Amino acid sequence: LWCLHEPLKLLHEPTWSPWVLTCGVAVAAAAVAPRQPLVALALTLRLCDTAMLMPFCWDSFYWCFQIDGGLLLLLLLCAASADRDAVARSWAEICRLQLSLFYASAAWWKLNTSFLDPRTSCAPMFFLTLLPTLGYTPSPAVALGVRNLAPAATIGGEACIGLLLAAASNRLRRLGVCLALLLHLGISLTPSPNNATPFSLAMAARLLVTQAPALTALLRHAAERRRTALLAAAAAAAATGIQCARALSFDSRGGRLGQGVADWWVA
């Protein structure tokens, strides 16, 4: 998942400098042969790239820097002969706790007069632009109610995600992951210019990492059942076609179509 998300970030680089190409080769090598030294090298390069952008980068870059830094530290502390599944399970636990803290903190820092006031909060804008995309255009009275409830709903949703991810129950943790993915789906479907799909991509990849054992079991089950695998491939192809059309409709700046398709499809 990490090796899938990083090339998408590299596609958005304005120029393909030797540094970007080096990062791309390192990530590709880690994807093809996920051995500890290669993964550690790819992580180090990508973390250095983020560090060079700081402090002028999005908050999600800081989240990813700490999560991916945890994996690098884990790889450096573990022996080269350590069981890969054990390392993956350890990172899943570390990643889950980090994401729990990040989402809870996001809710906490929104507890201020600017965000809670619908006149100055960004939450109503996201809610009210998303609803028509989902096929529902609210009446003025409903829109006013959504506007007033949006700040509290945003804080409550992010707080719930943080608490659920920190829960002792695996069922509650998975509910937290599903709630977070639903949040990021809404973010990804929000029309331009308020769309923040790259943030959703970054979090979706790392949220799924927290459920690594369940995800591995699901993939093995799909591989063993040809019909299930074919249905999954058909669904992915249909989603790609739909999102290709969406990418074309949103591409008003002459950007590369491949970027939009990849972003929408993965989201």
Protein backbone atom coordinates (compact mmCIF):
# COMPACT_ATOMS: atom_id res chain seq x y z
CA LEU A 1 0.00 0.00 0.00
CA TRP A 2 2.81 2.38 0.85
CA CYS A 3 4.53 1.58 -2.44
CA LEU A 4 1.24 2.28 -4.24
CA HIS A 5 0.69 5.68 -2.66
CA GLU A 6 4.22 7.04 -3.02
CA PRO A 7 4.34 6.83 -6.85
CA LEU A 8 1.08 8.80 -6.96
CA LYS A 9 2.78 11.55 -4.97
CA LEU A 10 5.78 11.44 -7.29
CA LEU A 11 3.49 11.83 -10.34
CA HIS A 12 2.53 15.26 -9.04
CA GLU A 13 6.10 16.52 -8.94
CA PRO A 14 6.42 19.54 -11.28
CA THR A 15 9.72 18.28 -12.70
CA TRP A 16 11.26 14.82 -12.83
CA SER A 17 14.64 15.71 -11.40
CA PRO A 18 17.37 13.14 -10.67
CA TRP A 19 16.21 13.19 -7.03
CA VAL A 20 12.61 12.36 -7.96
CA LEU A 21 13.78 9.60 -10.30
CA THR A 22 16.00 8.17 -7.57
CA CYS A 23 13.05 8.11 -5.17
CA GLY A 24 10.91 6.46 -7.82
CA VAL A 25 13.46 3.74 -8.48
CA ALA A 26 13.87 3.08 -4.75
CA VAL A 27 10.09 2.79 -4.22
CA ALA A 28 9.74 0.51 -7.26
CA ALA A 29 12.56 -1.73 -5.99
CA ALA A 30 10.89 -1.96 -2.58
CA ALA A 31 7.59 -2.89 -4.24
CA VAL A 32 9.13 -5.60 -6.44
CA ALA A 33 11.40 -7.06 -3.74
CA PRO A 34 10.07 -5.95 -0.32
CA ARG A 35 13.18 -6.89 1.65
CA GLN A 36 14.11 -4.96 4.74
CA PRO A 37 17.14 -3.03 3.34
CA LEU A 38 15.26 -1.94 0.20
CA VAL A 39 12.17 -0.83 2.12
CA ALA A 40 14.34 1.03 4.64
CA LEU A 41 16.21 2.80 1.81
CA ALA A 42 12.96 3.84 0.09
CA LEU A 43 11.54 5.08 3.38
CA THR A 44 14.68 7.07 4.15
CA LEU A 45 14.62 8.81 0.77
CA ARG A 46 10.94 9.66 0.98
CA LEU A 47 11.27 10.91 4.58
CA CYS A 48 14.21 13.10 3.53
CA ASP A 49 12.09 14.48 0.71
CA THR A 50 9.33 15.44 3.16
CA ALA A 51 11.85 16.90 5.61
CA MET A 52 13.18 19.17 2.86
CA LEU A 53 9.65 20.52 2.31
CA MET A 54 9.07 21.35 5.98
CA PRO A 55 7.66 23.60 7.29
CA PHE A 56 5.97 24.63 4.03
CA CYS A 57 3.82 21.55 3.50
CA TRP A 58 0.36 20.26 4.31
CA ASP A 59 -0.55 18.82 7.72
CA SER A 60 -0.99 15.38 6.13
CA PHE A 61 2.73 15.42 5.27
CA TYR A 62 3.51 15.68 8.98
CA TRP A 63 1.13 12.79 9.71
CA CYS A 64 2.77 10.61 7.06
CA PHE A 65 6.24 11.65 8.20
CA GLN A 66 5.59 10.37 11.71
CA ILE A 67 3.78 7.20 10.62
CA ASP A 68 6.40 6.25 8.02
CA GLY A 69 9.15 7.25 10.44
CA GLY A 70 7.72 4.72 12.87
CA LEU A 71 8.06 2.00 10.26
CA LEU A 72 11.65 3.01 9.48
CA LEU A 73 12.56 2.98 13.18
CA LEU A 74 10.94 -0.43 13.51
CA LEU A 75 12.94 -1.79 10.58
CA LEU A 76 16.18 -0.40 11.99
CA LEU A 77 15.52 -1.93 15.41
CA CYS A 78 14.52 -5.33 14.06
CA ALA A 79 17.08 -7.83 12.90
CA ALA A 80 17.32 -8.40 9.16
CA SER A 81 16.11 -11.96 9.73
CA ALA A 82 12.96 -10.83 11.59
CA ASP A 83 9.67 -12.29 10.41
CA ARG A 84 8.03 -9.88 7.95
CA ASP A 85 4.54 -10.69 9.22
CA ALA A 86 5.61 -9.86 12.78
CA VAL A 87 7.08 -6.54 11.63
CA ALA A 88 3.87 -5.77 9.72
CA ARG A 89 1.74 -6.52 12.76
CA SER A 90 3.92 -4.28 14.94
CA TRP A 91 3.69 -1.41 12.45
CA ALA A 92 -0.09 -1.91 12.23
CA GLU A 93 -0.35 -1.38 15.99
CA ILE A 94 1.95 1.66 16.00
CA CYS A 95 0.15 3.14 13.00
CA ARG A 96 -3.26 2.60 14.62
CA LEU A 97 -2.25 4.42 17.80
CA GLN A 98 -0.68 7.28 15.84
CA LEU A 99 -3.78 7.73 13.68
CA SER A 100 -5.98 7.60 16.76
CA LEU A 101 -3.98 10.48 18.24
CA PHE A 102 -3.99 12.45 14.98
CA TYR A 103 -7.76 12.27 14.41
CA ALA A 104 -8.50 13.01 18.06
CA SER A 105 -6.11 15.99 17.88
CA ALA A 106 -7.79 17.21 14.70
CA ALA A 107 -11.09 17.26 16.58
CA TRP A 108 -9.53 18.92 19.64
CA TRP A 109 -7.93 21.79 17.72
CA LYS A 110 -11.26 22.54 16.02
CA LEU A 111 -12.74 23.45 19.39
CA ASN A 112 -12.36 27.18 18.85
CA THR A 113 -14.71 30.06 18.13
CA SER A 114 -13.63 30.37 14.48
CA PHE A 115 -14.44 26.77 13.56
CA LEU A 116 -17.58 26.48 15.68
CA ASP A 117 -19.08 29.62 14.13
CA PRO A 118 -20.76 28.58 10.82
CA ARG A 119 -20.00 32.02 9.40
CA THR A 120 -16.23 31.47 9.58
CA SER A 121 -15.94 27.66 9.63
CA CYS A 122 -14.87 25.69 6.57
CA ALA A 123 -17.15 22.76 7.50
CA PRO A 124 -20.41 24.16 6.01
CA MET A 125 -18.65 24.81 2.70
CA PHE A 126 -17.56 21.17 2.45
CA PHE A 127 -20.94 19.77 3.47
CA LEU A 128 -22.99 22.02 1.19
CA THR A 129 -20.80 21.48 -1.89
CA LEU A 130 -20.72 17.71 -1.35
CA LEU A 131 -24.49 17.20 -1.16
CA PRO A 132 -25.23 18.18 -4.80
CA THR A 133 -22.41 15.88 -5.90
CA LEU A 134 -24.24 13.05 -4.14
CA GLY A 135 -27.42 13.95 -6.03
CA TYR A 136 -29.21 15.97 -3.36
CA THR A 137 -29.69 19.72 -3.56
CA PRO A 138 -31.07 20.91 -0.21
CA SER A 139 -33.76 23.53 0.11
CA PRO A 140 -32.77 26.86 1.69
CA ALA A 141 -34.19 25.76 5.05
CA VAL A 142 -32.34 22.42 4.99
CA ALA A 143 -29.15 24.12 3.79
CA LEU A 144 -29.34 26.49 6.77
CA GLY A 145 -29.69 23.52 9.14
CA VAL A 146 -26.74 21.74 7.52
CA ARG A 147 -24.71 24.93 7.75
CA ASN A 148 -25.36 25.24 11.47
CA LEU A 149 -24.71 21.56 12.28
CA ALA A 150 -21.65 21.04 10.06
CA PRO A 151 -18.96 22.26 12.51
CA ALA A 152 -20.21 20.08 15.39
CA ALA A 153 -20.70 17.10 13.07
CA THR A 154 -17.12 17.40 11.82
CA ILE A 155 -15.67 17.57 15.33
CA GLY A 156 -17.86 14.69 16.52
CA GLY A 157 -16.91 12.52 13.55
CA GLU A 158 -13.17 13.02 13.95
CA ALA A 159 -13.38 12.51 17.72
CA CYS A 160 -15.28 9.24 17.19
CA ILE A 161 -12.65 8.03 14.74
CA GLY A 162 -9.88 8.74 17.26
CA LEU A 163 -11.71 6.97 20.09
CA LEU A 164 -12.69 3.95 17.99
CA LEU A 165 -9.15 3.45 16.68
CA ALA A 166 -7.90 3.44 20.27
CA ALA A 167 -10.52 0.90 21.43
CA ALA A 168 -9.53 -2.52 22.77
CA SER A 169 -12.13 -4.30 20.63
CA ASN A 170 -11.08 -5.27 17.08
CA ARG A 171 -14.68 -4.74 15.96
CA LEU A 172 -14.66 -1.16 17.22
CA ARG A 173 -11.27 -0.54 15.62
CA ARG A 174 -12.59 -1.71 12.26
CA LEU A 175 -15.62 0.51 12.72
CA GLY A 176 -13.22 3.40 13.27
CA VAL A 177 -11.35 2.55 10.07
CA CYS A 178 -14.64 2.35 8.12
CA LEU A 179 -15.79 5.68 9.55
CA ALA A 180 -12.47 7.29 8.60
CA LEU A 181 -12.63 5.86 5.07
CA LEU A 182 -16.18 7.21 4.74
CA LEU A 183 -14.92 10.64 5.80
CA HIS A 184 -12.15 10.51 3.21
CA LEU A 185 -14.53 9.30 0.51
CA GLY A 186 -16.60 12.42 1.15
CA ILE A 187 -13.47 14.57 0.99
CA SER A 188 -12.51 12.94 -2.32
CA LEU A 189 -15.97 13.50 -3.83
CA THR A 190 -16.04 17.17 -2.85
CA PRO A 191 -15.93 19.28 -6.03
CA SER A 192 -13.00 21.48 -6.99
CA PRO A 193 -11.54 23.77 -5.68
CA ASN A 194 -12.21 22.32 -2.22
CA ASN A 195 -11.26 18.77 -3.17
CA ALA A 196 -8.45 17.26 -1.07
CA THR A 197 -8.07 13.81 -2.61
CA PRO A 198 -4.29 13.56 -2.01
CA PHE A 199 -4.94 13.81 1.74
CA SER A 200 -7.55 11.05 1.50
CA LEU A 201 -5.16 8.86 -0.47
CA ALA A 202 -2.45 9.23 2.13
CA MET A 203 -4.77 8.37 5.01
CA ALA A 204 -6.59 5.54 3.22
CA ALA A 205 -3.33 3.70 2.57
CA ARG A 206 -2.28 3.99 6.20
CA LEU A 207 -5.73 3.25 7.64
CA LEU A 208 -5.76 -0.06 5.76
CA VAL A 209 -2.32 -0.84 7.22
CA THR A 210 -3.92 -0.90 10.67
CA GLN A 211 -5.99 -3.87 9.51
CA ALA A 212 -3.11 -5.71 7.87
CA PRO A 213 -4.03 -9.26 9.12
CA ALA A 214 -7.67 -8.92 8.03
CA LEU A 215 -6.68 -7.39 4.68
CA THR A 216 -4.18 -10.20 4.04
CA ALA A 217 -6.82 -12.82 4.81
CA LEU A 218 -9.28 -11.09 2.47
CA LEU A 219 -6.76 -11.00 -0.39
CA ARG A 220 -5.89 -14.66 0.10
CA HIS A 221 -9.58 -15.56 0.08
CA ALA A 222 -10.08 -13.63 -3.16
CA ALA A 223 -7.06 -15.30 -4.74
CA GLU A 224 -8.38 -18.75 -3.85
CA ARG A 225 -11.80 -18.05 -5.33
CA ARG A 226 -11.50 -17.17 -9.00
CA ARG A 227 -15.08 -15.92 -9.23
CA THR A 228 -14.54 -13.49 -6.36
CA ALA A 229 -11.33 -12.23 -7.95
CA LEU A 230 -13.07 -11.71 -11.32
CA LEU A 231 -15.93 -9.81 -9.68
CA ALA A 232 -13.42 -7.62 -7.84
CA ALA A 233 -11.56 -6.94 -11.09
CA ALA A 234 -14.83 -6.07 -12.84
CA ALA A 235 -15.79 -3.71 -10.03
CA ALA A 236 -12.36 -2.06 -10.21
CA ALA A 237 -12.68 -1.66 -13.99
CA ALA A 238 -16.15 -0.11 -13.64
CA ALA A 239 -14.91 2.24 -10.93
CA THR A 240 -11.97 3.24 -13.12
CA GLY A 241 -14.29 4.09 -16.01
CA ILE A 242 -16.63 6.13 -13.84
CA GLN A 243 -13.80 8.01 -12.16
CA CYS A 244 -12.12 8.61 -15.52
CA ALA A 245 -15.25 10.45 -16.60
CA ARG A 246 -15.24 12.38 -13.32
CA ALA A 247 -11.57 13.25 -13.71
CA LEU A 248 -12.26 14.61 -17.19
CA SER A 249 -15.17 16.71 -15.90
CA PHE A 250 -13.00 18.23 -13.14
CA ASP A 251 -9.89 18.68 -15.28
CA SER A 252 -10.35 22.34 -16.19
CA ARG A 253 -6.70 23.34 -15.83
CA GLY A 254 -5.19 21.17 -18.55
CA GLY A 255 -3.46 18.81 -16.13
CA ARG A 256 -2.33 15.31 -17.00
CA LEU A 257 -5.34 12.98 -17.14
CA GLY A 258 -3.35 10.13 -15.60
CA GLN A 259 -3.02 12.02 -12.33
CA GLY A 260 -6.75 12.57 -11.99
CA VAL A 261 -7.66 9.00 -12.93
CA ALA A 262 -5.16 7.53 -10.47
CA ASP A 263 -6.31 9.82 -7.67
CA TRP A 264 -10.00 9.16 -8.16
CA TRP A 265 -9.64 5.42 -8.71
CA VAL A 266 -7.53 4.78 -5.60
CA ALA A 267 -9.80 7.02 -3.49
